[in-house]
N, C-alpha and C. Protein backbone atom coordinates (compact mmCIF):
# COMPACT_ATOMS: atom_id res chain seq x y z
N UNK A 1 11.36 -15.87 10.12
CA UNK A 1 10.56 -15.89 10.79
C UNK A 1 10.80 -14.45 11.35
N UNK A 2 8.86 -14.14 11.13
CA UNK A 2 8.48 -12.94 11.64
C UNK A 2 7.43 -12.88 12.54
N UNK A 3 6.39 -12.21 13.62
CA UNK A 3 5.38 -12.16 13.90
C UNK A 3 3.97 -11.51 13.39
N UNK A 4 4.72 -10.59 12.47
CA UNK A 4 4.14 -9.75 11.80
C UNK A 4 4.09 -10.45 10.40
N UNK A 5 3.03 -10.58 9.72
CA UNK A 5 2.79 -10.89 8.27
C UNK A 5 3.11 -10.07 7.11
N UNK A 6 2.78 -9.01 7.34
CA UNK A 6 3.65 -8.17 6.37
C UNK A 6 4.75 -8.17 6.44
N UNK A 7 5.20 -7.80 7.52
CA UNK A 7 7.23 -8.05 7.68
C UNK A 7 7.35 -9.03 6.60
N UNK A 8 7.08 -10.30 6.93
CA UNK A 8 7.31 -11.55 6.34
C UNK A 8 6.91 -11.63 4.61
N UNK A 9 5.87 -10.84 4.30
CA UNK A 9 5.26 -10.69 3.01
C UNK A 9 6.74 -9.95 2.20
N UNK A 10 6.88 -8.36 2.86
CA UNK A 10 7.86 -7.50 2.53
C UNK A 10 9.02 -8.32 2.01
N UNK A 11 9.57 -9.32 3.72
CA UNK A 11 10.76 -10.13 3.21
C UNK A 11 10.61 -11.08 2.13
N UNK A 12 9.67 -11.53 1.81
CA UNK A 12 9.57 -12.71 0.80
C UNK A 12 9.54 -12.14 -0.75
N UNK A 13 8.96 -10.58 -0.87
CA UNK A 13 9.28 -10.11 -1.91
C UNK A 13 10.59 -9.63 -2.43
N UNK A 14 11.87 -8.87 -1.05
CA UNK A 14 12.55 -8.71 -1.65
C UNK A 14 13.50 -9.61 -1.97
N UNK A 15 13.32 -10.56 -1.32
CA UNK A 15 14.27 -12.16 -1.61
C UNK A 15 14.24 -12.60 -3.08
N UNK A 16 12.42 -12.14 -3.65
CA UNK A 16 12.50 -12.53 -4.96
C UNK A 16 13.02 -11.99 -5.64
N UNK A 17 12.76 -10.31 -5.45
CA UNK A 17 13.68 -9.27 -6.53
C UNK A 17 15.25 -9.13 -6.35
N UNK A 18 15.73 -9.94 -5.36
CA UNK A 18 17.13 -10.18 -5.27
C UNK A 18 17.82 -11.30 -6.17
N UNK A 19 16.97 -12.15 -5.88
CA UNK A 19 17.02 -13.68 -7.06
C UNK A 19 16.98 -13.30 -8.11
N UNK A 20 15.88 -12.69 -8.42
CA UNK A 20 15.95 -12.32 -9.88
C UNK A 20 16.95 -11.90 -9.99
N UNK A 21 17.41 -10.67 -9.74
CA UNK A 21 18.55 -9.84 -10.40
C UNK A 21 19.96 -10.69 -10.31
N UNK A 22 20.15 -11.48 -9.02
CA UNK A 22 21.22 -12.68 -9.30
C UNK A 22 21.49 -13.41 -10.29
N UNK A 23 20.07 -14.20 -10.82
CA UNK A 23 19.70 -14.93 -11.78
C UNK A 23 20.13 -14.00 -13.51
N UNK A 24 20.18 -12.35 -13.41
CA UNK A 24 19.77 -12.05 -14.78
C UNK A 24 18.39 -11.82 -15.40
N UNK A 25 17.23 -12.23 -14.22
CA UNK A 25 15.60 -12.21 -14.92
C UNK A 25 15.02 -11.10 -15.09
N UNK A 26 15.03 -10.27 -15.81
CA UNK A 26 14.10 -8.90 -16.01
C UNK A 26 12.56 -8.97 -15.46
N UNK A 27 12.15 -10.37 -16.01
CA UNK A 27 10.43 -10.38 -15.76
C UNK A 27 10.44 -11.47 -15.06
N UNK A 28 9.22 -10.72 -14.19
CA UNK A 28 8.55 -11.82 -13.06
C UNK A 28 8.12 -13.03 -13.90
N UNK A 29 7.29 -13.02 -15.04
CA UNK A 29 7.21 -14.31 -15.71
C UNK A 29 8.15 -15.26 -16.13
N UNK A 30 9.04 -14.62 -16.47
CA UNK A 30 10.55 -15.56 -16.54
C UNK A 30 11.15 -16.53 -15.69
N UNK A 31 10.45 -15.82 -13.94
CA UNK A 31 11.10 -16.39 -12.68
C UNK A 31 10.42 -18.03 -12.77
N UNK A 32 11.59 -18.50 -12.42
CA UNK A 32 11.30 -19.98 -11.98
C UNK A 32 10.50 -20.20 -10.43
N UNK A 33 10.27 -21.18 -9.96
CA UNK A 33 9.47 -21.12 -8.69
C UNK A 33 10.07 -21.56 -7.64
N UNK A 34 10.73 -20.04 -6.90
CA UNK A 34 11.15 -20.10 -6.07
C UNK A 34 10.86 -20.62 -4.48
N UNK A 35 11.29 -21.02 -3.78
CA UNK A 35 10.82 -21.26 -2.68
C UNK A 35 11.82 -20.76 -1.77
N UNK A 36 11.38 -19.77 -0.93
CA UNK A 36 12.15 -19.11 0.54
C UNK A 36 11.59 -19.80 1.90
N UNK A 37 12.51 -19.97 2.73
CA UNK A 37 12.22 -20.69 4.20
C UNK A 37 11.31 -19.45 4.45
N UNK A 38 10.28 -19.36 5.07
CA UNK A 38 10.09 -17.80 5.76
C UNK A 38 8.69 -17.94 5.85
N UNK A 39 7.91 -17.39 7.36
CA UNK A 39 7.03 -18.05 7.91
C UNK A 39 6.39 -16.60 8.86
N UNK A 40 5.40 -16.90 8.93
CA UNK A 40 4.62 -15.70 9.85
C UNK A 40 4.18 -16.27 10.94
N UNK A 41 4.82 -15.94 12.25
CA UNK A 41 4.07 -16.53 13.55
C UNK A 41 5.33 -16.23 14.62
N UNK A 42 4.64 -16.43 16.16
CA UNK A 42 5.26 -16.18 17.27
C UNK A 42 6.88 -17.41 17.27
N UNK A 43 7.84 -17.09 16.65
CA UNK A 43 9.41 -18.34 17.16
C UNK A 43 9.29 -18.99 18.43
N UNK A 44 8.80 -18.06 19.40
CA UNK A 44 9.06 -17.93 20.62
C UNK A 44 8.02 -19.25 21.42
N UNK A 45 6.98 -19.25 20.75
CA UNK A 45 6.12 -20.45 21.05
C UNK A 45 5.60 -21.73 20.60
N UNK A 46 5.77 -21.54 19.22
CA UNK A 46 5.84 -22.52 17.98
C UNK A 46 6.90 -23.36 17.98
N UNK A 47 7.07 -24.80 17.36
CA UNK A 47 8.02 -25.77 17.12
C UNK A 47 8.37 -26.32 18.32
N UNK A 48 9.60 -26.93 17.99
CA UNK A 48 10.01 -28.09 18.56
C UNK A 48 11.02 -27.26 19.20
N UNK A 49 11.19 -27.61 20.87
CA UNK A 49 12.41 -27.28 21.37
C UNK A 49 13.62 -28.59 21.83
N UNK A 50 14.40 -28.26 21.58
CA UNK A 50 15.54 -29.42 21.43
C UNK A 50 16.58 -29.48 22.99
N UNK A 51 16.82 -28.46 23.92
CA UNK A 51 17.69 -28.31 24.98
C UNK A 51 17.66 -26.94 25.40
N UNK A 52 17.04 -26.67 26.47
CA UNK A 52 16.91 -25.43 27.22
C UNK A 52 18.10 -24.58 27.83
N UNK A 53 18.51 -23.30 28.31
CA UNK A 53 19.08 -22.96 28.37
C UNK A 53 20.13 -23.48 29.74
N UNK A 54 19.63 -24.30 30.74
CA UNK A 54 20.61 -24.79 31.14
C UNK A 54 21.15 -26.13 31.20
N UNK A 55 20.87 -26.50 29.70
CA UNK A 55 21.93 -27.87 29.11
C UNK A 55 20.48 -28.61 29.35
N UNK A 56 19.82 -28.56 29.97
CA UNK A 56 19.05 -29.86 29.85
C UNK A 56 17.80 -30.43 28.70
N UNK A 57 17.94 -31.29 28.31
CA UNK A 57 17.64 -32.10 26.94
C UNK A 57 15.93 -31.70 27.19
N UNK A 58 15.64 -31.58 25.86
CA UNK A 58 14.18 -31.28 26.16
C UNK A 58 13.15 -32.30 24.97
N UNK A 59 12.36 -32.95 25.69
CA UNK A 59 11.66 -34.03 24.44
C UNK A 59 10.08 -33.73 24.26
N UNK A 60 10.00 -32.28 24.19
CA UNK A 60 8.80 -31.48 24.11
C UNK A 60 7.81 -31.80 22.40
N UNK A 61 6.78 -32.07 22.17
CA UNK A 61 5.42 -32.06 20.98
C UNK A 61 6.15 -30.58 20.55
N UNK A 62 6.23 -30.70 19.36
CA UNK A 62 6.02 -29.32 18.56
C UNK A 62 5.45 -27.83 18.75
N UNK A 63 4.16 -28.54 19.59
CA UNK A 63 2.96 -27.92 19.87
C UNK A 63 3.33 -27.14 21.22
N UNK A 64 3.88 -28.20 22.36
CA UNK A 64 3.78 -28.06 23.78
C UNK A 64 3.27 -26.96 24.24
N UNK A 65 1.90 -27.88 24.02
CA UNK A 65 0.67 -27.26 25.04
C UNK A 65 0.31 -25.79 24.53
N UNK A 66 0.75 -25.35 22.96
CA UNK A 66 0.15 -24.62 22.00
C UNK A 66 -0.71 -25.05 21.22
N UNK A 67 -2.12 -24.95 22.03
CA UNK A 67 -3.14 -25.86 20.59
C UNK A 67 -3.50 -24.30 19.70
N UNK A 68 -2.98 -22.89 20.16
CA UNK A 68 -3.73 -21.77 19.14
C UNK A 68 -2.44 -21.38 18.04
N UNK A 69 -3.70 -21.20 16.94
CA UNK A 69 -2.17 -20.55 15.97
C UNK A 69 -3.30 -19.44 15.77
N UNK A 70 -2.87 -17.88 15.49
CA UNK A 70 -3.81 -16.99 14.84
C UNK A 70 -3.59 -17.52 13.45
N UNK A 71 -4.94 -16.57 12.81
CA UNK A 71 -4.86 -17.13 11.22
C UNK A 71 -4.06 -16.61 10.42
N UNK A 72 -3.11 -15.51 10.94
CA UNK A 72 -2.24 -14.86 10.11
C UNK A 72 -0.49 -15.46 9.90
N UNK A 73 -0.80 -16.90 10.84
CA UNK A 73 0.28 -17.75 11.08
C UNK A 73 0.20 -18.64 10.34
N UNK A 74 1.72 -19.25 9.75
CA UNK A 74 1.60 -20.05 8.72
C UNK A 74 2.04 -21.42 9.72
N UNK A 75 0.89 -21.94 10.14
CA UNK A 75 1.35 -23.32 10.77
C UNK A 75 2.16 -24.45 10.69
N UNK A 76 2.06 -25.16 9.27
CA UNK A 76 2.53 -26.25 8.62
C UNK A 76 4.04 -25.35 8.90
N UNK A 77 4.37 -24.32 7.65
CA UNK A 77 5.83 -23.77 7.87
C UNK A 77 6.06 -23.62 8.74
N UNK A 78 5.80 -22.97 10.31
CA UNK A 78 6.07 -23.26 11.73
C UNK A 78 6.73 -23.99 11.81
N UNK A 79 5.93 -25.29 11.93
CA UNK A 79 6.18 -26.45 12.40
C UNK A 79 7.62 -27.05 11.62
N UNK A 80 7.47 -26.72 9.91
CA UNK A 80 8.80 -27.40 9.10
C UNK A 80 10.23 -26.78 9.65
N UNK A 81 10.03 -25.41 9.53
CA UNK A 81 11.11 -24.45 9.93
C UNK A 81 11.88 -24.82 11.30
N UNK A 82 10.60 -24.35 12.54
CA UNK A 82 11.06 -24.45 13.83
C UNK A 82 11.09 -25.99 14.29
N UNK A 83 11.33 -26.98 13.15
CA UNK A 83 11.06 -27.78 14.23
C UNK A 83 12.57 -29.03 13.64
N UNK A 84 13.17 -28.37 13.66
CA UNK A 84 14.32 -28.72 13.14
C UNK A 84 15.77 -27.62 13.75
N UNK A 85 17.17 -28.04 13.83
CA UNK A 85 18.09 -27.14 13.88
C UNK A 85 19.43 -27.00 13.13
N UNK A 86 19.69 -26.00 13.00
CA UNK A 86 21.03 -25.08 12.03
C UNK A 86 21.99 -24.95 12.47
N UNK A 87 22.78 -24.96 11.29
CA UNK A 87 24.30 -24.53 11.36
C UNK A 87 24.48 -23.04 11.65
N UNK A 88 23.51 -22.07 11.53
CA UNK A 88 23.63 -20.85 11.93
C UNK A 88 22.53 -20.20 11.85
N UNK A 89 21.99 -19.55 13.04
CA UNK A 89 20.44 -18.94 13.14
C UNK A 89 20.96 -17.52 13.16
N UNK A 90 20.53 -16.82 13.03
CA UNK A 90 21.03 -15.15 12.91
C UNK A 90 19.37 -14.58 13.05
N UNK A 91 19.10 -13.59 14.03
CA UNK A 91 17.89 -12.72 14.72
C UNK A 91 18.28 -11.36 15.15
N UNK A 92 16.94 -10.72 14.74
CA UNK A 92 17.10 -9.24 15.55
C UNK A 92 15.72 -9.65 16.51
N UNK A 93 16.23 -9.81 17.08
CA UNK A 93 14.91 -9.77 18.51
C UNK A 93 14.58 -8.30 18.47
N UNK A 94 13.18 -8.57 19.14
CA UNK A 94 12.70 -6.90 19.70
C UNK A 94 13.33 -7.05 21.24
N UNK A 95 13.59 -5.98 21.44
CA UNK A 95 14.09 -5.72 22.94
C UNK A 95 13.09 -4.96 23.74
N UNK A 96 11.88 -5.48 24.22
CA UNK A 96 10.71 -4.75 24.76
C UNK A 96 10.45 -5.95 25.65
N UNK A 97 9.71 -5.12 27.02
CA UNK A 97 9.02 -6.17 27.82
C UNK A 97 7.75 -6.45 27.69
N UNK A 98 7.36 -7.56 27.73
CA UNK A 98 5.92 -7.95 27.48
C UNK A 98 4.94 -7.44 28.44
N UNK A 99 3.62 -6.93 27.97
CA UNK A 99 3.20 -6.24 28.84
C UNK A 99 1.67 -7.26 28.96
N UNK A 100 1.62 -8.24 28.09
CA UNK A 100 0.38 -9.03 28.15
C UNK A 100 1.05 -10.51 28.72
N UNK A 101 0.12 -10.13 29.89
CA UNK A 101 0.20 -11.24 31.02
C UNK A 101 0.34 -12.49 30.50
N UNK A 102 -0.61 -12.93 29.61
CA UNK A 102 -0.78 -14.32 29.45
C UNK A 102 0.02 -14.92 28.34
N UNK A 103 0.96 -13.71 27.69
CA UNK A 103 1.84 -14.05 27.13
C UNK A 103 3.16 -14.28 27.63
N UNK A 104 3.16 -13.44 28.53
CA UNK A 104 4.23 -12.83 29.40
C UNK A 104 4.52 -14.90 30.20
N UNK A 105 3.31 -15.21 30.69
CA UNK A 105 3.63 -16.48 31.33
C UNK A 105 3.69 -18.02 30.35
N UNK A 106 3.56 -17.55 29.30
CA UNK A 106 3.63 -18.38 28.17
C UNK A 106 5.04 -18.71 28.02
N UNK A 107 5.47 -17.32 27.67
CA UNK A 107 6.90 -17.62 27.42
C UNK A 107 8.00 -17.94 29.16
N UNK A 108 7.18 -17.43 29.70
CA UNK A 108 8.00 -17.76 31.00
C UNK A 108 7.96 -19.34 31.26
N UNK A 109 6.82 -20.36 30.91
CA UNK A 109 6.92 -21.51 31.33
C UNK A 109 7.37 -22.26 30.33
N UNK A 110 7.92 -21.62 28.68
CA UNK A 110 8.25 -21.96 28.00
C UNK A 110 10.30 -21.85 28.23
N UNK A 111 10.37 -20.91 28.55
CA UNK A 111 11.85 -20.62 28.58
C UNK A 111 12.28 -20.55 30.50
N UNK A 112 13.42 -20.79 30.74
CA UNK A 112 13.66 -20.86 31.84
C UNK A 112 14.45 -19.56 32.02
N UNK A 113 14.84 -19.00 31.03
CA UNK A 113 15.64 -17.68 31.54
C UNK A 113 14.61 -16.54 31.62
N UNK A 114 13.40 -16.96 31.43
CA UNK A 114 12.43 -15.61 31.37
C UNK A 114 12.09 -15.75 33.11
N UNK A 115 12.88 -15.09 33.77
CA UNK A 115 12.62 -14.79 35.49
C UNK A 115 12.41 -13.23 35.76
N UNK A 116 11.76 -12.52 36.64
CA UNK A 116 11.92 -11.32 36.89
C UNK A 116 11.46 -10.71 35.76
N UNK A 117 11.69 -9.25 35.68
CA UNK A 117 11.40 -8.41 34.48
C UNK A 117 12.37 -8.44 33.48
N UNK A 118 12.24 -9.10 32.52
CA UNK A 118 12.59 -9.47 30.94
C UNK A 118 12.50 -8.64 29.80
N UNK A 119 13.31 -8.77 29.00
CA UNK A 119 13.00 -8.16 27.79
C UNK A 119 13.05 -9.51 26.73
N UNK A 120 11.91 -9.20 25.41
CA UNK A 120 12.38 -10.66 24.68
C UNK A 120 13.59 -10.50 23.90
N UNK A 121 14.04 -10.30 24.17
CA UNK A 121 15.72 -10.25 23.91
C UNK A 121 16.12 -11.33 24.74
N UNK A 122 15.82 -12.00 26.02
CA UNK A 122 16.14 -12.68 26.63
C UNK A 122 15.49 -14.35 26.21
N UNK A 123 14.70 -14.72 26.21
CA UNK A 123 13.66 -15.40 25.52
C UNK A 123 14.28 -15.78 24.11
N UNK A 124 14.63 -14.96 22.89
CA UNK A 124 15.29 -15.06 22.00
C UNK A 124 16.61 -15.59 21.71
N UNK A 125 17.02 -15.14 23.22
CA UNK A 125 18.85 -15.60 23.35
C UNK A 125 18.70 -17.25 23.06
N UNK A 126 17.86 -17.88 24.50
CA UNK A 126 17.72 -18.60 24.77
C UNK A 126 17.21 -19.65 23.43
N UNK A 127 15.99 -19.25 22.62
CA UNK A 127 15.81 -20.00 21.31
C UNK A 127 16.64 -20.36 20.57
N UNK A 128 17.30 -18.73 20.21
CA UNK A 128 18.14 -19.13 19.10
C UNK A 128 19.65 -19.88 19.53
N UNK A 129 20.48 -20.12 20.96
CA UNK A 129 21.23 -20.95 20.88
C UNK A 129 20.49 -22.56 21.14
N UNK A 130 19.26 -22.44 21.08
CA UNK A 130 18.36 -24.05 20.80
C UNK A 130 18.29 -24.33 19.54
N UNK A 131 18.18 -23.38 18.73
CA UNK A 131 17.58 -23.64 16.99
C UNK A 131 19.44 -24.12 16.39
N UNK A 132 20.27 -23.93 17.06
CA UNK A 132 21.40 -23.84 16.54
C UNK A 132 22.17 -25.24 17.54
N UNK A 133 22.58 -26.06 15.73
CA UNK A 133 22.54 -27.92 15.97
C UNK A 133 24.22 -27.68 16.75
N UNK A 134 23.86 -29.00 17.69
CA UNK A 134 25.05 -29.15 18.53
C UNK A 134 25.89 -30.92 18.58
N UNK A 135 26.45 -31.25 17.86
CA UNK A 135 26.65 -32.83 18.29
C UNK A 135 28.06 -32.86 17.80
N UNK A 136 28.89 -34.12 18.52
CA UNK A 136 30.34 -34.16 18.50
C UNK A 136 31.28 -32.88 18.90
N UNK A 137 30.55 -32.55 20.31
CA UNK A 137 31.58 -31.63 20.73
C UNK A 137 31.38 -30.14 19.42
N UNK A 138 30.72 -29.96 18.44
CA UNK A 138 30.88 -29.06 17.77
C UNK A 138 29.43 -28.39 17.68
N UNK A 139 29.24 -26.82 17.69
CA UNK A 139 28.21 -26.01 17.74
C UNK A 139 27.89 -25.38 16.67
N UNK A 140 26.45 -24.61 16.37
CA UNK A 140 26.14 -24.14 15.31
C UNK A 140 26.80 -22.93 15.46
N UNK A 141 26.02 -21.86 14.60
CA UNK A 141 26.76 -20.00 15.02
C UNK A 141 25.18 -19.55 15.55
N UNK A 142 25.21 -18.59 16.51
CA UNK A 142 24.51 -17.72 16.78
C UNK A 142 25.05 -16.45 16.66
N UNK A 143 24.00 -15.59 15.73
CA UNK A 143 24.12 -14.03 15.64
C UNK A 143 23.13 -12.78 15.90
N UNK A 144 23.42 -12.24 16.79
CA UNK A 144 22.09 -11.90 17.27
C UNK A 144 22.11 -10.53 17.28
N UNK A 145 21.31 -9.73 16.87
CA UNK A 145 22.02 -7.60 16.38
C UNK A 145 20.95 -7.46 17.36
N UNK A 146 22.23 -6.63 18.17
CA UNK A 146 21.46 -6.02 19.64
C UNK A 146 21.87 -4.55 19.90
């Protein structure tokens, strides 16, 4: 998942090349129809929320008031990928401050951890924890590149 569609396209190509190498396939024409779980979009705004940082169970619509999608975002893939939880969630969030006022407010409304002056690492950490599965006193794993 990346907000930049070019980064997503590069990742898709690199995964394809790696898969071809592992399979011993030397020509693209001989490749099977690989399906990679990738999408371009803002993972902080789209997709279902399960629980907030305080442990409060959420039952929000996947769009949770987000009525717009940029034409570069993969709406159906965003809903599918961000609409479930995972045993492992790994990411490299940007550690920058959100300067766009509307976006800053949208993150503040959606994430309890966005208080005062915050970097994007804060809501991403909350999002990663939210996407990690938890059941029967067991939890998924979260890896964050800091």
